Protein backbone atom coordinates (compact mmCIF):
# COMPACT_ATOMS: atom_id res chain seq x y z
CA MET A 1 36.41 -103.77 -18.61
CA LYS A 2 39.89 -102.91 -17.49
CA PHE A 3 42.70 -102.60 -19.91
CA PRO A 4 46.24 -102.99 -18.98
CA ARG A 5 48.07 -99.65 -18.77
CA ASN A 6 49.75 -99.89 -22.18
CA GLU A 7 46.65 -100.90 -24.11
CA ARG A 8 44.53 -98.21 -22.47
CA GLU A 9 47.01 -95.48 -23.33
CA GLU A 10 47.22 -96.84 -26.85
CA VAL A 11 43.41 -96.71 -27.29
CA GLU A 12 43.25 -93.20 -25.79
CA GLY A 13 46.00 -92.12 -28.15
CA GLN A 14 44.05 -93.45 -31.13
CA VAL A 15 40.83 -91.73 -29.96
CA MET A 16 42.68 -88.42 -29.49
CA LYS A 17 44.25 -88.77 -32.92
CA ILE A 18 40.82 -89.28 -34.49
CA TYR A 19 39.45 -86.30 -32.55
CA LYS A 20 42.36 -84.07 -33.54
CA GLU A 21 41.95 -84.92 -37.24
CA SER A 22 38.19 -84.27 -37.16
CA SER A 23 38.49 -80.80 -35.61
CA PRO A 24 38.64 -77.82 -38.01
CA ALA A 25 41.97 -76.23 -38.79
CA LEU A 26 42.10 -73.10 -36.66
CA GLU A 27 44.53 -71.40 -39.06
CA THR A 28 41.93 -71.27 -41.86
CA LEU A 29 38.75 -71.23 -39.77
CA PHE A 30 38.43 -67.42 -39.58
CA GLU A 31 40.07 -66.56 -42.88
CA TRP A 32 38.64 -63.52 -44.64
CA ALA A 33 38.91 -62.55 -48.28
CA TYR A 34 39.64 -58.83 -48.05
CA ILE A 35 39.57 -58.45 -51.83
CA ASN A 36 35.77 -58.65 -51.86
CA HIS A 37 35.52 -56.12 -49.04
CA VAL A 38 37.70 -53.66 -50.95
CA ALA A 39 35.74 -54.14 -54.17
CA TRP A 40 32.36 -53.66 -52.51
CA SER A 41 33.63 -50.69 -50.52
CA LEU A 42 34.91 -49.04 -53.70
CA ALA A 43 31.63 -49.76 -55.48
CA ILE A 44 29.64 -48.14 -52.66
CA VAL A 45 31.97 -45.12 -52.56
CA PHE A 46 31.71 -44.64 -56.33
CA LEU A 47 27.92 -45.00 -56.28
CA GLY A 48 27.76 -42.40 -53.52
CA LEU A 49 30.02 -40.10 -55.52
CA ILE A 50 27.88 -40.52 -58.65
CA PHE A 51 24.73 -39.78 -56.62
CA TRP A 52 26.28 -36.68 -55.05
CA LEU A 53 27.52 -35.38 -58.42
CA SER A 54 24.10 -36.02 -59.97
CA VAL A 55 22.38 -34.00 -57.24
CA ALA A 56 24.88 -31.17 -57.72
CA LEU A 57 24.37 -31.28 -61.50
CA VAL A 58 20.58 -31.16 -61.13
CA ASN A 59 20.84 -28.14 -58.81
CA ALA A 60 23.24 -26.32 -61.12
CA GLU A 61 21.08 -27.00 -64.18
CA ASN A 62 17.98 -25.87 -62.28
CA GLN A 63 19.61 -22.54 -61.45
CA ARG A 64 21.06 -22.17 -64.96
CA ASN A 65 17.67 -22.74 -66.54
CA ALA A 66 16.04 -20.28 -64.11
CA LEU A 67 18.63 -17.65 -65.08
CA ILE A 68 18.18 -18.30 -68.82
CA THR A 69 14.37 -18.08 -68.61
CA LYS A 70 14.58 -15.07 -66.21
CA GLN A 71 12.42 -16.67 -63.53
CA CYS A 72 14.33 -15.04 -60.66
CA MET A 73 14.44 -11.38 -61.57
CA ASP A 74 14.23 -9.00 -58.61
CA PRO A 75 10.84 -7.25 -58.67
CA VAL A 76 12.25 -3.96 -57.38
CA PHE A 77 15.61 -3.78 -59.16
CA LYS A 78 15.00 -5.12 -62.66
CA THR A 79 18.70 -5.74 -63.43
CA GLU A 80 19.38 -7.68 -60.22
CA LEU A 81 18.71 -11.30 -59.28
CA ASP A 82 16.68 -12.59 -56.36
CA LYS A 83 19.12 -15.02 -54.74
CA LYS A 84 16.52 -16.45 -52.40
CA CYS A 85 14.46 -17.34 -55.45
CA LEU A 86 17.46 -19.14 -57.01
CA ARG A 87 17.66 -21.49 -54.03
CA THR A 88 13.97 -22.47 -54.19
CA VAL A 89 13.00 -22.16 -57.87
CA GLN A 90 11.83 -25.18 -59.85
CA SER A 91 12.51 -24.25 -63.46
CA ARG A 92 11.35 -27.62 -64.82
CA GLU A 93 8.73 -30.01 -63.51
CA HIS A 94 10.97 -32.96 -62.59
CA TRP A 95 14.57 -33.42 -61.47
CA TRP A 96 15.28 -35.98 -64.19
CA GLN A 97 14.55 -33.35 -66.84
CA HIS A 98 17.42 -31.28 -65.47
CA LEU A 99 19.70 -34.31 -65.40
CA THR A 100 18.94 -35.46 -68.93
CA TYR A 101 19.30 -31.94 -70.33
CA ALA A 102 22.64 -31.45 -68.55
CA LEU A 103 23.98 -34.82 -69.70
CA THR A 104 22.86 -34.48 -73.32
CA ASN A 105 23.73 -30.79 -73.92
CA LEU A 106 27.37 -30.37 -73.00
CA SER A 107 27.80 -26.95 -74.58
CA PRO A 108 25.25 -24.13 -74.20
CA ALA A 109 22.92 -23.32 -77.07
CA LYS A 110 23.91 -20.26 -79.06
């Protein structure tokens, strides 16, 4: 069916108007909320920092306990320490024992 020129352009204009209104708004289509990214990034960084400090605390408490209980005395020179032993000694059975002792006893026992 042929439309006269004016009616055809009018129908095409209405169809294009409907199409334009149904398409998504490109301004808000790829909008990101950077606040969530910052919050999650900070949470991950702080969890990593807590993990790293916990590992350092466990190692320090392990060496402190080995020094207190004299587990790393040098067999040849009785007043010296075996530094290789300090790196590998396990003064308690589990790592969580070191962590709980270090967190609950803030000052050394007298």
